[in-house]
Amino acid sequence: MTDRATIYARIIDLIEPLNPKGVALTEATTFAGDLEMDSLTVMDLVASMEDEWDIVMPLNMLPDLETIGQVADAVTKLVVK
């Protein structure tokens, strides 16, 4: 079974190539503010996560996901049903 810690660690792995400034990645790191990701980059990341866990992240959920921790929680809920 996939637990939240495993999911969080994999999300960090997926973000690393999209983090050219080397911002420290923590639960509280924000995509727009800290990582300065544009919407296209965020959608690429979402697609990677959907492929990784064979899930669909509802588009209406995405605006509420501002930090890595929030994304880890959301993915965990979708994966561990």
C-alpha atoms as a PDB file:
ATOM      1  CA  MET A   1       0.000   0.000   0.000  1.00  0.00           C
ATOM      2  CA  THR A   2       1.150   3.511  -0.723  1.00  0.00           C
ATOM      3  CA  ASP A   3       1.270   5.766   2.312  1.00  0.00           C
ATOM      4  CA  ARG A   4       1.457   9.550   2.505  1.00  0.00           C
ATOM      5  CA  ALA A   5       5.180   9.603   3.299  1.00  0.00           C
ATOM      6  CA  THR A   6       5.938   7.577   0.168  1.00  0.00           C
ATOM      7  CA  ILE A   7       3.660   9.779  -1.932  1.00  0.00           C
ATOM      8  CA  TYR A   8       5.237  12.955  -0.521  1.00  0.00           C
ATOM      9  CA  ALA A   9       8.751  11.670  -1.278  1.00  0.00           C
ATOM     10  CA  ARG A  10       7.774  10.827  -4.857  1.00  0.00           C
ATOM     11  CA  ILE A  11       6.143  14.242  -5.344  1.00  0.00           C
ATOM     12  CA  ILE A  12       9.432  15.826  -4.244  1.00  0.00           C
ATOM     13  CA  ASP A  13      11.202  13.682  -6.879  1.00  0.00           C
ATOM     14  CA  LEU A  14       8.745  14.871  -9.541  1.00  0.00           C
ATOM     15  CA  ILE A  15       9.216  18.534  -8.568  1.00  0.00           C
ATOM     16  CA  GLU A  16      13.039  18.499  -8.512  1.00  0.00           C
ATOM     17  CA  PRO A  17      13.493  18.846 -12.308  1.00  0.00           C
ATOM     18  CA  LEU A  18      11.038  21.782 -12.229  1.00  0.00           C
ATOM     19  CA  ASN A  19      13.034  23.560  -9.517  1.00  0.00           C
ATOM     20  CA  PRO A  20      15.969  25.176 -11.350  1.00  0.00           C
ATOM     21  CA  LYS A  21      16.583  27.711  -8.565  1.00  0.00           C
ATOM     22  CA  GLY A  22      17.086  24.936  -6.023  1.00  0.00           C
ATOM     23  CA  VAL A  23      14.408  26.183  -3.630  1.00  0.00           C
ATOM     24  CA  ALA A  24      14.245  24.064  -0.469  1.00  0.00           C
ATOM     25  CA  LEU A  25      11.261  21.733  -0.852  1.00  0.00           C
ATOM     26  CA  THR A  26       9.170  21.365   2.308  1.00  0.00           C
ATOM     27  CA  GLU A  27       5.540  20.708   3.185  1.00  0.00           C
ATOM     28  CA  ALA A  28       4.952  24.492   3.170  1.00  0.00           C
ATOM     29  CA  THR A  29       6.701  25.279  -0.139  1.00  0.00           C
ATOM     30  CA  THR A  30       4.249  27.026  -2.474  1.00  0.00           C
ATOM     31  CA  PHE A  31       4.144  26.442  -6.208  1.00  0.00           C
ATOM     32  CA  ALA A  32       3.358  30.011  -7.300  1.00  0.00           C
ATOM     33  CA  GLY A  33       5.241  31.938  -4.621  1.00  0.00           C
ATOM     34  CA  ASP A  34       8.306  29.876  -3.708  1.00  0.00           C
ATOM     35  CA  LEU A  35       8.842  27.851  -6.873  1.00  0.00           C
ATOM     36  CA  GLU A  36       7.489  30.560  -9.220  1.00  0.00           C
ATOM     37  CA  MET A  37       5.766  27.920 -11.360  1.00  0.00           C
ATOM     38  CA  ASP A  38       3.523  29.127 -14.152  1.00  0.00           C
ATOM     39  CA  SER A  39       0.242  27.387 -14.939  1.00  0.00           C
ATOM     40  CA  LEU A  40       1.739  25.286 -17.737  1.00  0.00           C
ATOM     41  CA  THR A  41       4.460  23.934 -15.443  1.00  0.00           C
ATOM     42  CA  VAL A  42       1.875  23.157 -12.780  1.00  0.00           C
ATOM     43  CA  MET A  43      -0.235  21.269 -15.319  1.00  0.00           C
ATOM     44  CA  ASP A  44       2.849  19.285 -16.406  1.00  0.00           C
ATOM     45  CA  LEU A  45       3.415  18.358 -12.765  1.00  0.00           C
ATOM     46  CA  VAL A  46      -0.249  17.377 -12.355  1.00  0.00           C
ATOM     47  CA  ALA A  47      -0.014  15.187 -15.467  1.00  0.00           C
ATOM     48  CA  SER A  48       3.106  13.513 -14.056  1.00  0.00           C
ATOM     49  CA  MET A  49       1.342  12.787 -10.767  1.00  0.00           C
ATOM     50  CA  GLU A  50      -1.735  11.453 -12.543  1.00  0.00           C
ATOM     51  CA  ASP A  51       0.458   9.120 -14.601  1.00  0.00           C
ATOM     52  CA  GLU A  52       2.513   8.077 -11.575  1.00  0.00           C
ATOM     53  CA  TRP A  53      -0.490   6.935  -9.516  1.00  0.00           C
ATOM     54  CA  ASP A  54      -3.069   6.330 -12.273  1.00  0.00           C
ATOM     55  CA  ILE A  55      -5.443   8.922 -10.820  1.00  0.00           C
ATOM     56  CA  VAL A  56      -7.375  11.925 -12.105  1.00  0.00           C
ATOM     57  CA  MET A  57      -7.045  15.128 -10.139  1.00  0.00           C
ATOM     58  CA  PRO A  58     -10.278  17.106 -10.544  1.00  0.00           C
ATOM     59  CA  LEU A  59      -9.579  20.537 -12.039  1.00  0.00           C
ATOM     60  CA  ASN A  60     -11.820  22.217  -9.467  1.00  0.00           C
ATOM     61  CA  MET A  61      -9.507  20.872  -6.748  1.00  0.00           C
ATOM     62  CA  LEU A  62      -6.324  22.424  -8.153  1.00  0.00           C
ATOM     63  CA  PRO A  63      -6.828  26.092  -7.158  1.00  0.00           C
ATOM     64  CA  ASP A  64      -6.985  25.043  -3.489  1.00  0.00           C
ATOM     65  CA  LEU A  65      -3.648  23.215  -3.641  1.00  0.00           C
ATOM     66  CA  GLU A  66      -1.006  25.848  -2.951  1.00  0.00           C
ATOM     67  CA  THR A  67       1.682  23.895  -1.083  1.00  0.00           C
ATOM     68  CA  ILE A  68       3.503  20.604  -1.550  1.00  0.00           C
ATOM     69  CA  GLY A  69       1.903  19.303   1.652  1.00  0.00           C
ATOM     70  CA  GLN A  70      -1.606  20.078   0.365  1.00  0.00           C
ATOM     71  CA  VAL A  71      -0.848  18.257  -2.877  1.00  0.00           C
ATOM     72  CA  ALA A  72       0.507  15.251  -0.965  1.00  0.00           C
ATOM     73  CA  ASP A  73      -2.702  15.140   1.095  1.00  0.00           C
ATOM     74  CA  ALA A  74      -4.882  15.383  -2.024  1.00  0.00           C
ATOM     75  CA  VAL A  75      -2.978  12.667  -3.907  1.00  0.00           C
ATOM     76  CA  THR A  76      -3.053  10.415  -0.839  1.00  0.00           C
ATOM     77  CA  LYS A  77      -6.851  10.758  -0.654  1.00  0.00           C
ATOM     78  CA  LEU A  78      -7.171   9.838  -4.335  1.00  0.00           C
ATOM     79  CA  VAL A  79      -4.743   6.909  -4.149  1.00  0.00           C
ATOM     80  CA  VAL A  80      -5.808   5.403  -0.805  1.00  0.00           C
ATOM     81  CA  LYS A  81      -9.522   4.829  -1.303  1.00  0.00           C
END
